[in-house]
Structure formats: C-alpha cells, structure tokens
Amino acid sequence: MKAAILYLFFLNSIFSEVDLNYNYNYEKNGVKTKFSDWVPYKLHKWNPKFLEDYYELYGLKLHYGENELRRDIGFLKTGINANFRHPNNALCKVENEKEYHKYRLLVTMHLNLQIMRGYMRIASLYDKRHLYFQNLTFAHDLKKSFTTAESIYKEAIPYWEKALDLAKKADEIKSEIDLGTMESERYEIISGKLHFGNIINDHIKAVRKKIESIDEYLKNNPEQDHPPL
C-alpha cells in the first residue's frame, strides 16, 4: 500500500514539472518553425462561389435574433447575384435545357421568398401584435419601434414581387423537376393560395394603426413624448 502511494506521488511530481507549451519548435530544413505553421491555414475551409453554395450556407437556428437573420439575408442576396453551378452539380437532376431553365427560375424564386421571409421576421422583432393601454407608458419608444417595423416590412415587398414574377415564368414550363418544396411554392403562388403581398400589406396597415393610436395618445399627453428614465 505504501509503495503504491509513493509511486503515485512520484508520478505527480513528474507531471507537475511538465511545461505544457503548445507551440513546440521543430527543425524544418534547419529553421525552427512553430508546429501551428505546419498546418495549412485554409485546411477544410470552403469558399462559396456559386448560387447553390450560398444557399447551402443559409440556415436559421431555433432561437434567432436580428444578427442571424441579416447574416442569412446577406448570404442569399450574394447568392442571387452569383452564377449557377454546372447542371451536373445542380441541387436536383435535370435532363434537358428546359428543365435546367425551370430549375434556375425556381431556385431564384425560392431565394427571393427566403429573403422576404427574413425581412418579415426582422420586422416582427420590432412589431407588437396587440397594443394595450398599459403599454402606452412606453409610447415614445413604441412609436420608434413600430416605425422601424413598418420600414422593414416595406423592404420585403420587392422580393415578393420578384418571386411572384419568377413563379409565373416557371409555371409556363410544364415538366416538373425534383424540387418538391419549390414546386409546391410555385403552385401555391400561382393558385393564389400563397399571396405574401396581401400578408405584408396587412402587417403594414396594422402597424400604421398602432402608430396612429400612439400619435393620438402623445398629442393628448405631450409630457410622455420622451424616452422613459
């Protein structure tokens, strides 16, 4: 027993003297070089180039904020202006030029819809579904928030209009391709089941009514028109 204790004490004394230096120097052609310099800087790094590459960077976490949303919007906006991959490397199988043309229309339509949704999600962070009387204590800040929400809702409109135009063009090509979600989006847009133009306008009208209510309150209570302490 005593021997085992002495052996453990001996091991601890050895390891306690070890200097954990992770930048060991090695001889490389006669010159000392840090071990970290041996590893290529761009090892496993991926540089997006094509539209599909940027689309694959898009991803929304379960819990997200404005920064995550604007990052995804940035990826998608860059992707829209990038070239498509070679047809052999498309997101689905395409067998002829018509299918590849429809593929490009649908993917671009979908990216515009995702950008539009991103803006609507950001706007919702500044919006408030119901304005109760007790909320008017913060009327000054609420007006600023609602005004920001209104402007961001309006930013979503051009991307909906572009997606609608692309859906109409894609609908003219009758052969379906293996992009089920995007084909469903196209069908719902063309059939009128999915009309984000109306949805966005409803949000804008609702937020305008809330701003008008706050304006009326501040008109009658001008002393409240300042940030709360």
Protein backbone atom coordinates (compact mmCIF):
# COMPACT_ATOMS: atom_id res chain seq x y z
CA MET A 1 0.00 0.00 0.00
CA LYS A 2 2.80 2.39 0.97
CA ALA A 3 4.63 1.50 -2.24
CA ALA A 4 1.58 2.40 -4.33
CA ILE A 5 1.20 5.77 -2.58
CA LEU A 6 4.89 6.54 -3.14
CA TYR A 7 4.55 5.59 -6.82
CA LEU A 8 1.57 7.93 -7.32
CA PHE A 9 3.44 10.74 -5.56
CA PHE A 10 6.41 10.14 -7.87
CA LEU A 11 4.18 10.34 -10.98
CA ASN A 12 2.52 13.54 -9.77
CA SER A 13 5.88 15.17 -9.17
CA ILE A 14 6.93 14.31 -12.74
CA PHE A 15 3.79 15.65 -14.44
CA SER A 16 3.74 18.79 -12.31
CA GLU A 17 7.10 19.75 -13.83
CA VAL A 18 5.84 19.43 -17.41
CA ASP A 19 5.55 22.77 -19.22
CA LEU A 20 2.51 22.49 -21.49
CA ASN A 21 3.71 24.60 -24.39
CA TYR A 22 1.51 24.02 -27.44
CA ASN A 23 3.82 25.94 -29.76
CA TYR A 24 6.64 23.43 -29.81
CA ASN A 25 9.53 24.34 -32.11
CA TYR A 26 10.63 21.82 -34.71
CA GLU A 27 13.54 21.76 -37.10
CA LYS A 28 12.27 22.26 -40.62
CA ASN A 29 15.06 22.50 -43.17
CA GLY A 30 17.32 23.78 -40.44
CA VAL A 31 14.92 26.52 -39.31
CA LYS A 32 12.82 26.30 -36.17
CA THR A 33 9.14 26.55 -37.07
CA LYS A 34 6.03 26.59 -34.88
CA PHE A 35 4.01 23.42 -35.14
CA SER A 36 0.89 25.50 -35.90
CA ASP A 37 2.64 26.84 -39.01
CA TRP A 38 2.83 23.31 -40.40
CA VAL A 39 -0.95 23.15 -40.73
CA PRO A 40 -2.23 24.85 -43.92
CA TYR A 41 -4.26 27.92 -42.94
CA LYS A 42 -7.09 27.10 -45.36
CA LEU A 43 -7.35 23.44 -44.41
CA HIS A 44 -11.03 22.38 -44.53
CA LYS A 45 -12.14 25.93 -45.36
CA TRP A 46 -14.77 26.33 -48.04
CA ASN A 47 -15.04 29.36 -50.25
CA PRO A 48 -18.56 29.73 -51.70
CA LYS A 49 -18.61 30.60 -55.38
CA PHE A 50 -21.90 29.58 -56.96
CA LEU A 51 -25.52 30.44 -56.12
CA GLU A 52 -26.14 26.99 -54.67
CA ASP A 53 -23.10 27.37 -52.38
CA TYR A 54 -24.61 30.46 -50.76
CA TYR A 55 -27.99 28.77 -50.48
CA GLU A 56 -26.36 25.92 -48.58
CA LEU A 57 -24.89 28.47 -46.13
CA TYR A 58 -28.42 29.60 -45.28
CA GLY A 59 -29.73 28.18 -42.04
CA LEU A 60 -31.97 29.53 -39.30
CA LYS A 61 -31.44 28.42 -35.71
CA LEU A 62 -34.28 27.60 -33.36
CA HIS A 63 -33.51 30.74 -31.37
CA TYR A 64 -32.56 33.61 -33.63
CA GLY A 65 -32.13 37.36 -33.48
CA GLU A 66 -31.68 40.15 -35.94
CA ASN A 67 -27.98 39.40 -36.47
CA GLU A 68 -28.67 35.81 -37.53
CA LEU A 69 -31.47 36.94 -39.84
CA ARG A 70 -29.38 39.64 -41.51
CA ARG A 71 -26.50 37.20 -41.94
CA ASP A 72 -28.76 34.76 -43.78
CA ILE A 73 -30.23 37.57 -45.89
CA GLY A 74 -26.69 38.60 -46.79
CA PHE A 75 -25.81 35.08 -47.94
CA LEU A 76 -28.97 34.85 -50.06
CA LYS A 77 -28.52 38.30 -51.63
CA THR A 78 -24.95 37.42 -52.60
CA GLY A 79 -26.14 34.08 -53.96
CA ILE A 80 -28.78 35.65 -56.19
CA ASN A 81 -26.06 37.62 -57.97
CA ALA A 82 -23.75 34.59 -58.34
CA ASN A 83 -23.61 32.12 -61.23
CA PHE A 84 -25.31 28.74 -61.04
CA ARG A 85 -23.34 25.54 -60.82
CA HIS A 86 -22.85 23.33 -63.85
CA PRO A 87 -26.08 21.32 -64.47
CA ASN A 88 -24.28 18.14 -63.40
CA ASN A 89 -23.86 19.67 -59.92
CA ALA A 90 -27.35 21.15 -59.57
CA LEU A 91 -29.45 20.57 -56.45
CA CYS A 92 -31.53 18.03 -58.37
CA LYS A 93 -31.36 16.03 -61.58
CA VAL A 94 -32.10 17.96 -64.77
CA GLU A 95 -32.38 16.17 -68.10
CA ASN A 96 -32.68 18.94 -70.66
CA GLU A 97 -32.31 22.69 -71.13
CA LYS A 98 -35.98 23.40 -70.35
CA GLU A 99 -35.71 21.62 -67.01
CA TYR A 100 -32.49 23.46 -66.21
CA HIS A 101 -34.16 26.76 -67.07
CA LYS A 102 -37.06 25.92 -64.76
CA TYR A 103 -34.58 24.84 -62.10
CA ARG A 104 -32.91 28.26 -62.17
CA LEU A 105 -36.27 30.06 -62.07
CA LEU A 106 -37.47 28.02 -59.07
CA VAL A 107 -34.27 28.34 -57.07
CA THR A 108 -34.12 32.10 -57.63
CA MET A 109 -37.82 32.35 -56.75
CA HIS A 110 -37.17 30.43 -53.52
CA LEU A 111 -34.21 32.62 -52.56
CA ASN A 112 -36.32 35.75 -53.04
CA LEU A 113 -39.03 34.23 -50.84
CA GLN A 114 -36.48 33.43 -48.14
CA ILE A 115 -35.11 36.98 -48.22
CA MET A 116 -38.68 38.29 -47.98
CA ARG A 117 -39.38 35.99 -45.01
CA GLY A 118 -36.15 37.15 -43.37
CA TYR A 119 -37.21 40.78 -43.57
CA MET A 120 -40.65 39.93 -42.21
CA ARG A 121 -39.08 38.10 -39.28
CA ILE A 122 -36.85 41.10 -38.52
CA ALA A 123 -39.85 43.43 -38.73
CA SER A 124 -41.76 41.21 -36.31
CA LEU A 125 -39.00 41.75 -33.73
CA TYR A 126 -39.91 45.47 -33.74
CA ASP A 127 -43.65 44.93 -34.04
CA LYS A 128 -46.20 44.10 -31.35
CA ARG A 129 -49.34 42.13 -32.08
CA HIS A 130 -51.56 43.95 -29.58
CA LEU A 131 -51.22 47.45 -28.17
CA TYR A 132 -52.77 47.60 -24.69
CA PHE A 133 -53.42 50.75 -22.68
CA GLN A 134 -50.70 49.89 -20.16
CA ASN A 135 -48.16 49.75 -22.99
CA LEU A 136 -48.64 53.47 -23.65
CA THR A 137 -46.33 54.22 -20.75
CA PHE A 138 -43.61 53.46 -23.31
CA ALA A 139 -45.31 55.32 -26.16
CA HIS A 140 -42.18 57.18 -27.26
CA ASP A 141 -40.10 54.01 -27.70
CA LEU A 142 -43.01 52.04 -29.14
CA LYS A 143 -43.51 54.61 -31.89
CA LYS A 144 -39.84 54.31 -32.88
CA SER A 145 -40.10 50.52 -32.84
CA PHE A 146 -43.31 50.44 -34.92
CA THR A 147 -41.85 52.92 -37.42
CA THR A 148 -38.81 50.64 -37.83
CA ALA A 149 -41.09 47.62 -38.29
CA GLU A 150 -43.08 49.42 -40.99
CA SER A 151 -39.94 50.32 -42.96
CA ILE A 152 -38.63 46.74 -42.78
CA TYR A 153 -41.97 45.28 -43.88
CA LYS A 154 -41.71 47.55 -46.93
CA GLU A 155 -38.22 46.18 -47.67
CA ALA A 156 -39.77 42.73 -48.11
CA ILE A 157 -42.17 43.83 -50.86
CA PRO A 158 -39.72 43.91 -53.84
CA TYR A 159 -38.57 40.35 -53.07
CA TRP A 160 -42.16 39.10 -53.03
CA GLU A 161 -42.85 40.82 -56.35
CA LYS A 162 -39.74 39.23 -57.87
CA ALA A 163 -40.69 35.79 -56.52
CA LEU A 164 -44.20 36.19 -57.97
CA ASP A 165 -42.78 37.08 -61.39
CA LEU A 166 -40.40 34.09 -61.35
CA ALA A 167 -43.19 31.73 -60.26
CA LYS A 168 -45.28 32.80 -63.27
CA LYS A 169 -42.36 32.17 -65.64
CA ALA A 170 -41.59 28.78 -64.06
CA ASP A 171 -45.26 27.80 -64.35
CA GLU A 172 -45.04 28.09 -68.13
CA ILE A 173 -42.69 25.08 -68.17
CA LYS A 174 -45.00 22.14 -67.52
CA SER A 175 -42.46 19.40 -66.77
CA GLU A 176 -41.80 19.11 -63.04
CA ILE A 177 -38.34 18.73 -61.54
CA ASP A 178 -37.28 17.06 -58.31
CA LEU A 179 -37.51 20.15 -56.11
CA GLY A 180 -40.73 19.29 -54.30
CA THR A 181 -40.79 22.19 -51.85
CA MET A 182 -40.08 24.79 -54.52
CA GLU A 183 -42.58 23.26 -56.94
CA SER A 184 -45.19 23.44 -54.16
CA GLU A 185 -44.34 27.08 -53.53
CA ARG A 186 -44.75 27.81 -57.24
CA TYR A 187 -48.14 26.09 -57.33
CA GLU A 188 -49.40 27.86 -54.21
CA ILE A 189 -48.29 31.25 -55.56
CA ILE A 190 -49.90 30.70 -58.96
CA SER A 191 -53.13 29.36 -57.46
CA GLY A 192 -53.37 32.36 -55.13
CA LYS A 193 -53.17 30.20 -52.01
CA LEU A 194 -49.89 31.90 -51.07
CA HIS A 195 -50.03 35.66 -51.52
CA PHE A 196 -47.47 37.42 -49.37
CA GLY A 197 -48.32 40.74 -50.98
CA ASN A 198 -51.62 40.76 -49.06
CA ILE A 199 -49.96 39.49 -45.89
CA ILE A 200 -47.29 42.20 -45.94
CA ASN A 201 -49.85 44.92 -46.65
CA ASP A 202 -51.98 43.68 -43.74
CA HIS A 203 -48.96 43.94 -41.42
CA ILE A 204 -48.21 47.46 -42.68
CA LYS A 205 -51.83 48.57 -42.19
CA ALA A 206 -51.88 47.11 -38.68
CA VAL A 207 -48.65 48.79 -37.64
CA ARG A 208 -49.85 52.11 -39.11
CA LYS A 209 -52.98 51.92 -36.92
CA LYS A 210 -50.79 51.36 -33.86
CA ILE A 211 -48.62 54.35 -34.78
CA GLU A 212 -51.76 56.48 -35.21
CA SER A 213 -53.01 55.38 -31.77
CA ILE A 214 -49.70 56.36 -30.21
CA ASP A 215 -49.69 59.70 -32.04
CA GLU A 216 -53.16 60.43 -30.65
CA TYR A 217 -52.03 59.47 -27.14
CA LEU A 218 -48.90 61.66 -27.35
CA LYS A 219 -50.96 64.56 -28.70
CA ASN A 220 -53.10 64.42 -25.56
CA ASN A 221 -50.13 63.61 -23.30
CA PRO A 222 -47.14 65.54 -24.70
CA GLU A 223 -45.23 65.13 -21.42
CA GLN A 224 -44.93 61.41 -22.27
CA ASP A 225 -43.12 62.06 -25.56
CA HIS A 226 -39.65 61.24 -24.24
CA PRO A 227 -37.68 58.06 -23.50
CA PRO A 228 -38.51 56.55 -20.08
CA LEU A 229 -35.83 57.13 -17.44
